[in-house]
Amino acid sequence: MEEAQKTVHIVSYRTYLFVWLILLALTAALVTVSRLFHEALSVWAMLIITPVKAGLVFFFFMHLKYEKPYLKALVFLTLALLIIIIGILFFDIAYR
């Protein structure tokens, strides 16, 4: 029986800091949109910005960047399905 290969991916602190600053900027953008614009626009901003932030966390902090392509595809498929279902929910609420 073969031993499973373990590969360690070392990510620099500079990369972590850069991703963290991007996450802070996206959070600030989300807060700004939610305070300045209409409710419907803030919902759309939330539906667009939040998955981008989740993707950054998945890729860099959870090391999804170094996984096999089928695992990446499953994660993105799950996120896409979640976005679609939440979007359908908001369409239903908006047109009542």
Protein backbone atom coordinates (compact mmCIF):
# COMPACT_ATOMS: atom_id res chain seq x y z
CA MET A 1 0.00 0.00 0.00
CA GLU A 2 1.32 3.38 -1.01
CA GLU A 3 1.75 6.16 1.46
CA ALA A 4 -0.24 9.26 0.69
CA GLN A 5 1.93 12.15 -0.34
CA LYS A 6 1.76 15.10 1.97
CA THR A 7 2.61 18.42 0.47
CA VAL A 8 2.93 21.47 2.60
CA HIS A 9 2.13 24.81 1.00
CA ILE A 10 3.76 27.72 2.70
CA VAL A 11 2.02 31.01 2.01
CA SER A 12 3.84 34.21 2.82
CA TYR A 13 2.57 36.69 5.36
CA ARG A 14 2.52 39.31 2.60
CA THR A 15 -0.10 37.28 0.71
CA TYR A 16 -2.22 36.86 3.83
CA LEU A 17 -1.97 40.58 4.59
CA PHE A 18 -2.89 41.51 1.00
CA VAL A 19 -5.94 39.21 1.02
CA TRP A 20 -6.97 40.55 4.43
CA LEU A 21 -6.78 44.13 3.14
CA ILE A 22 -8.91 43.18 0.14
CA LEU A 23 -11.46 41.60 2.49
CA LEU A 24 -11.53 44.78 4.57
CA ALA A 25 -12.05 46.90 1.44
CA LEU A 26 -14.90 44.66 0.26
CA THR A 27 -16.50 44.86 3.69
CA ALA A 28 -16.23 48.65 3.63
CA ALA A 29 -17.78 48.69 0.15
CA LEU A 30 -20.65 46.52 1.35
CA VAL A 31 -21.30 48.75 4.35
CA THR A 32 -21.13 51.89 2.18
CA VAL A 33 -23.59 50.51 -0.37
CA SER A 34 -25.98 49.39 2.36
CA ARG A 35 -26.03 52.85 3.95
CA LEU A 36 -26.08 55.08 0.88
CA PHE A 37 -28.33 53.31 -1.58
CA HIS A 38 -31.78 51.82 -1.79
CA GLU A 39 -32.58 48.48 -0.17
CA ALA A 40 -32.77 46.60 -3.46
CA LEU A 41 -29.30 47.75 -4.52
CA SER A 42 -27.80 46.77 -1.18
CA VAL A 43 -29.28 43.28 -1.56
CA TRP A 44 -27.68 42.94 -4.99
CA ALA A 45 -24.37 44.21 -3.61
CA MET A 46 -24.59 41.65 -0.83
CA LEU A 47 -25.32 38.88 -3.33
CA ILE A 48 -22.28 39.85 -5.41
CA ILE A 49 -19.68 40.91 -2.84
CA THR A 50 -20.26 38.23 -0.21
CA PRO A 51 -19.46 35.25 -2.48
CA VAL A 52 -16.33 37.07 -3.67
CA LYS A 53 -15.24 37.44 -0.05
CA ALA A 54 -16.06 33.79 0.65
CA GLY A 55 -14.05 32.76 -2.39
CA LEU A 56 -11.02 34.68 -1.15
CA VAL A 57 -11.28 33.03 2.25
CA PHE A 58 -11.67 29.59 0.67
CA PHE A 59 -8.78 30.04 -1.73
CA PHE A 60 -6.20 31.61 0.53
CA PHE A 61 -7.05 30.97 4.18
CA MET A 62 -8.44 27.45 3.68
CA HIS A 63 -5.82 26.58 1.01
CA LEU A 64 -8.36 25.60 -1.65
CA LYS A 65 -5.96 27.09 -4.17
CA TYR A 66 -3.76 24.01 -3.77
CA GLU A 67 -6.49 21.37 -4.00
CA LYS A 68 -7.48 19.25 -6.98
CA PRO A 69 -9.77 20.80 -9.63
CA TYR A 70 -12.81 18.62 -8.88
CA LEU A 71 -12.88 19.76 -5.24
CA LYS A 72 -12.68 23.38 -6.41
CA ALA A 73 -15.54 22.76 -8.83
CA LEU A 74 -17.71 21.24 -6.10
CA VAL A 75 -17.13 24.20 -3.79
CA PHE A 76 -18.01 26.70 -6.54
CA LEU A 77 -21.04 24.68 -7.58
CA THR A 78 -22.28 24.75 -3.99
CA LEU A 79 -21.73 28.51 -3.74
CA ALA A 80 -23.48 29.11 -7.06
CA LEU A 81 -26.47 27.04 -5.96
CA LEU A 82 -26.65 29.00 -2.71
CA ILE A 83 -26.56 32.30 -4.61
CA ILE A 84 -29.28 31.14 -6.99
CA ILE A 85 -31.58 29.98 -4.19
CA ILE A 86 -31.12 33.17 -2.17
CA GLY A 87 -31.67 35.24 -5.33
CA ILE A 88 -34.91 33.39 -6.07
CA LEU A 89 -36.02 34.02 -2.51
CA PHE A 90 -35.42 37.76 -2.89
CA PHE A 91 -37.22 37.85 -6.26
CA ASP A 92 -40.19 36.21 -4.61
CA ILE A 93 -40.23 38.72 -1.78
CA ALA A 94 -39.73 41.70 -4.13
CA TYR A 95 -42.72 40.85 -6.35
CA ARG A 96 -45.33 40.17 -3.68
